[in-house]
Amino acid sequence: MRLSELSGKEIVDLERAERMGVLGHADLEIDEQDGRIHALIIPVGKWGAFKRSQQEIRVSWKRIKKVGQDMIIFDLSDSEQV
């Protein structure tokens, strides 16, 4: 599958049935030597009164359950949070 085919897909947490974002707003961790995807890095920001706190959720590619036509589904309970 090409990167262009992944772009624009919704990223969904299977356990909480929650939409986490759209690929294109998330980053991919890619091995530069062989081009394999190691993880999705999804920004999770919360707006406060004057500032925005930014966190990231790192989802190992091994935790991806399904890449469908419109969505990428993963299990957040097994992923690492940064």
N, C-alpha and C. Protein backbone atom coordinates (compact mmCIF):
# COMPACT_ATOMS: atom_id res chain seq x y z
N MET A 1 0.84 -1.17 0.00
CA MET A 1 0.00 0.00 0.00
C MET A 1 0.89 1.24 0.00
N ARG A 2 0.51 2.21 -0.77
CA ARG A 2 1.27 3.45 -0.87
C ARG A 2 0.82 4.45 0.18
N LEU A 3 1.71 5.36 0.53
CA LEU A 3 1.39 6.40 1.50
C LEU A 3 0.21 7.24 1.05
N SER A 4 0.13 7.52 -0.23
CA SER A 4 -0.99 8.32 -0.76
C SER A 4 -2.34 7.62 -0.55
N GLU A 5 -2.34 6.30 -0.51
CA GLU A 5 -3.57 5.55 -0.26
C GLU A 5 -4.00 5.63 1.20
N LEU A 6 -3.05 5.84 2.11
CA LEU A 6 -3.35 5.96 3.53
C LEU A 6 -3.85 7.36 3.90
N SER A 7 -3.39 8.35 3.17
CA SER A 7 -3.72 9.73 3.48
C SER A 7 -5.22 9.98 3.43
N GLY A 8 -5.73 10.69 4.43
CA GLY A 8 -7.14 11.04 4.48
C GLY A 8 -8.02 10.04 5.20
N LYS A 9 -7.47 8.90 5.60
CA LYS A 9 -8.27 7.90 6.32
C LYS A 9 -8.45 8.33 7.78
N GLU A 10 -9.63 8.09 8.32
CA GLU A 10 -9.88 8.36 9.73
C GLU A 10 -9.16 7.32 10.58
N ILE A 11 -8.65 7.76 11.72
CA ILE A 11 -7.96 6.88 12.66
C ILE A 11 -8.91 6.66 13.83
N VAL A 12 -9.27 5.39 14.10
CA VAL A 12 -10.29 5.08 15.09
C VAL A 12 -9.74 4.11 16.14
N ASP A 13 -9.99 4.44 17.41
CA ASP A 13 -9.61 3.58 18.54
C ASP A 13 -10.70 2.53 18.72
N LEU A 14 -10.37 1.28 18.57
CA LEU A 14 -11.32 0.18 18.66
C LEU A 14 -11.94 0.06 20.05
N GLU A 15 -11.13 0.16 21.09
CA GLU A 15 -11.64 -0.03 22.46
C GLU A 15 -12.67 1.02 22.85
N ARG A 16 -12.37 2.28 22.57
CA ARG A 16 -13.27 3.36 22.98
C ARG A 16 -14.21 3.81 21.86
N ALA A 17 -14.07 3.23 20.68
CA ALA A 17 -14.89 3.61 19.52
C ALA A 17 -14.85 5.12 19.32
N GLU A 18 -13.63 5.67 19.38
CA GLU A 18 -13.44 7.11 19.30
C GLU A 18 -12.60 7.47 18.09
N ARG A 19 -13.01 8.49 17.39
CA ARG A 19 -12.25 9.00 16.25
C ARG A 19 -11.09 9.83 16.79
N MET A 20 -9.87 9.46 16.41
CA MET A 20 -8.68 10.12 16.94
C MET A 20 -8.13 11.18 16.00
N GLY A 21 -8.54 11.16 14.76
CA GLY A 21 -8.04 12.13 13.80
C GLY A 21 -8.05 11.55 12.40
N VAL A 22 -7.38 12.25 11.51
CA VAL A 22 -7.28 11.84 10.12
C VAL A 22 -5.81 11.72 9.77
N LEU A 23 -5.46 10.66 9.07
CA LEU A 23 -4.07 10.51 8.66
C LEU A 23 -3.76 11.63 7.68
N GLY A 24 -2.75 12.34 7.96
CA GLY A 24 -2.43 13.57 7.25
C GLY A 24 -2.21 14.63 8.32
N HIS A 25 -3.00 14.52 9.41
CA HIS A 25 -2.80 15.35 10.59
C HIS A 25 -1.92 14.61 11.59
N ALA A 26 -1.82 13.30 11.42
CA ALA A 26 -0.96 12.48 12.26
C ALA A 26 0.36 12.25 11.53
N ASP A 27 1.38 11.88 12.28
CA ASP A 27 2.68 11.58 11.70
C ASP A 27 2.89 10.08 11.62
N LEU A 28 3.77 9.68 10.73
CA LEU A 28 4.17 8.29 10.63
C LEU A 28 5.64 8.18 11.03
N GLU A 29 5.96 7.16 11.78
CA GLU A 29 7.35 6.85 12.11
C GLU A 29 7.79 5.77 11.12
N ILE A 30 8.70 6.13 10.22
CA ILE A 30 9.10 5.25 9.12
C ILE A 30 10.58 4.92 9.22
N ASP A 31 10.93 3.66 9.02
CA ASP A 31 12.32 3.23 8.97
C ASP A 31 12.92 3.74 7.66
N GLU A 32 13.95 4.53 7.75
CA GLU A 32 14.56 5.14 6.57
C GLU A 32 15.26 4.13 5.68
N GLN A 33 15.68 3.00 6.24
CA GLN A 33 16.42 2.02 5.44
C GLN A 33 15.51 1.16 4.58
N ASP A 34 14.40 0.69 5.14
CA ASP A 34 13.56 -0.21 4.35
C ASP A 34 12.17 0.37 4.03
N GLY A 35 11.85 1.56 4.56
CA GLY A 35 10.59 2.22 4.24
C GLY A 35 9.37 1.67 4.95
N ARG A 36 9.57 0.82 5.94
CA ARG A 36 8.43 0.25 6.67
C ARG A 36 7.93 1.23 7.73
N ILE A 37 6.62 1.20 7.93
CA ILE A 37 6.01 2.04 8.96
C ILE A 37 6.15 1.34 10.30
N HIS A 38 6.68 2.06 11.30
CA HIS A 38 6.81 1.50 12.64
C HIS A 38 5.66 1.92 13.54
N ALA A 39 5.16 3.15 13.36
CA ALA A 39 4.11 3.64 14.26
C ALA A 39 3.37 4.83 13.67
N LEU A 40 2.15 5.04 14.16
CA LEU A 40 1.41 6.27 13.93
C LEU A 40 1.61 7.14 15.15
N ILE A 41 1.86 8.41 14.96
CA ILE A 41 1.98 9.34 16.08
C ILE A 41 0.86 10.34 15.93
N ILE A 42 -0.12 10.25 16.83
CA ILE A 42 -1.35 11.03 16.73
C ILE A 42 -1.31 12.16 17.74
N PRO A 43 -1.39 13.42 17.29
CA PRO A 43 -1.43 14.53 18.25
C PRO A 43 -2.78 14.58 18.94
N VAL A 44 -2.75 14.79 20.26
CA VAL A 44 -3.96 14.93 21.05
C VAL A 44 -3.80 16.21 21.84
N GLY A 45 -4.43 17.29 21.39
CA GLY A 45 -4.27 18.59 22.04
C GLY A 45 -5.52 19.01 22.77
N LYS A 46 -5.33 19.74 23.84
CA LYS A 46 -6.45 20.30 24.59
C LYS A 46 -6.20 21.80 24.72
N TRP A 47 -7.21 22.57 24.45
CA TRP A 47 -7.10 24.02 24.56
C TRP A 47 -7.46 24.46 25.97
N GLY A 48 -6.58 25.25 26.57
CA GLY A 48 -6.85 25.82 27.88
C GLY A 48 -7.22 27.29 27.71
N ALA A 49 -7.21 28.03 28.81
CA ALA A 49 -7.58 29.44 28.76
C ALA A 49 -6.60 30.24 27.89
N PHE A 50 -5.31 30.03 28.08
CA PHE A 50 -4.33 30.82 27.33
C PHE A 50 -3.32 30.00 26.56
N LYS A 51 -3.30 28.72 26.80
CA LYS A 51 -2.30 27.91 26.11
C LYS A 51 -2.89 26.57 25.71
N ARG A 52 -2.17 25.92 24.88
CA ARG A 52 -2.60 24.61 24.39
C ARG A 52 -1.58 23.58 24.86
N SER A 53 -2.06 22.57 25.57
CA SER A 53 -1.15 21.49 25.98
C SER A 53 -1.20 20.41 24.90
N GLN A 54 -0.06 19.97 24.48
CA GLN A 54 0.02 19.01 23.38
C GLN A 54 0.58 17.70 23.90
N GLN A 55 -0.11 16.63 23.60
CA GLN A 55 0.37 15.29 23.89
C GLN A 55 0.32 14.50 22.61
N GLU A 56 0.99 13.38 22.62
CA GLU A 56 0.97 12.49 21.46
C GLU A 56 0.66 11.08 21.91
N ILE A 57 -0.03 10.37 21.05
CA ILE A 57 -0.25 8.95 21.28
C ILE A 57 0.51 8.22 20.18
N ARG A 58 1.38 7.31 20.60
CA ARG A 58 2.18 6.52 19.65
C ARG A 58 1.55 5.14 19.56
N VAL A 59 1.13 4.79 18.35
CA VAL A 59 0.49 3.50 18.13
C VAL A 59 1.41 2.68 17.23
N SER A 60 1.95 1.61 17.79
CA SER A 60 2.81 0.73 17.02
C SER A 60 2.03 0.13 15.84
N TRP A 61 2.68 0.00 14.70
CA TRP A 61 2.01 -0.54 13.52
C TRP A 61 1.50 -1.97 13.78
N LYS A 62 2.12 -2.66 14.72
CA LYS A 62 1.67 -4.01 15.08
C LYS A 62 0.30 -3.99 15.75
N ARG A 63 -0.11 -2.84 16.29
CA ARG A 63 -1.40 -2.70 16.98
C ARG A 63 -2.54 -2.34 16.03
N ILE A 64 -2.22 -2.09 14.77
CA ILE A 64 -3.27 -1.78 13.79
C ILE A 64 -4.07 -3.04 13.54
N LYS A 65 -5.38 -2.95 13.70
CA LYS A 65 -6.25 -4.11 13.52
C LYS A 65 -6.76 -4.23 12.10
N LYS A 66 -7.07 -3.09 11.47
CA LYS A 66 -7.65 -3.12 10.12
C LYS A 66 -7.39 -1.79 9.42
N VAL A 67 -6.98 -1.88 8.17
CA VAL A 67 -6.90 -0.71 7.30
C VAL A 67 -7.98 -0.89 6.25
N GLY A 68 -9.06 -0.12 6.40
CA GLY A 68 -10.19 -0.23 5.49
C GLY A 68 -10.14 0.84 4.43
N GLN A 69 -11.20 0.95 3.67
CA GLN A 69 -11.28 1.93 2.60
C GLN A 69 -11.31 3.35 3.14
N ASP A 70 -11.98 3.56 4.30
CA ASP A 70 -12.13 4.90 4.86
C ASP A 70 -11.46 5.07 6.22
N MET A 71 -11.09 3.97 6.88
CA MET A 71 -10.60 4.05 8.25
C MET A 71 -9.39 3.16 8.51
N ILE A 72 -8.65 3.56 9.54
CA ILE A 72 -7.60 2.73 10.11
C ILE A 72 -8.04 2.48 11.55
N ILE A 73 -8.21 1.21 11.92
CA ILE A 73 -8.69 0.86 13.26
C ILE A 73 -7.55 0.23 14.05
N PHE A 74 -7.38 0.70 15.29
CA PHE A 74 -6.33 0.15 16.16
C PHE A 74 -6.88 -0.01 17.56
N ASP A 75 -6.12 -0.72 18.41
CA ASP A 75 -6.51 -0.94 19.79
C ASP A 75 -5.62 -0.10 20.69
N LEU A 76 -6.15 1.01 21.19
CA LEU A 76 -5.39 1.96 21.99
C LEU A 76 -4.93 1.37 23.31
N SER A 77 -5.65 0.43 23.87
CA SER A 77 -5.30 -0.12 25.18
C SER A 77 -3.94 -0.80 25.16
N ASP A 78 -3.50 -1.26 24.00
CA ASP A 78 -2.22 -1.93 23.89
C ASP A 78 -1.10 -1.03 23.40
N SER A 79 -1.40 0.23 23.09
CA SER A 79 -0.38 1.12 22.51
C SER A 79 0.35 1.88 23.62
N GLU A 80 1.43 2.51 23.22
CA GLU A 80 2.23 3.29 24.14
C GLU A 80 1.81 4.74 24.03
N GLN A 81 1.71 5.43 25.16
CA GLN A 81 1.39 6.85 25.14
C GLN A 81 2.63 7.62 25.52
N VAL A 82 2.90 8.70 24.78
CA VAL A 82 4.09 9.54 25.04
C VAL A 82 3.66 10.79 25.74
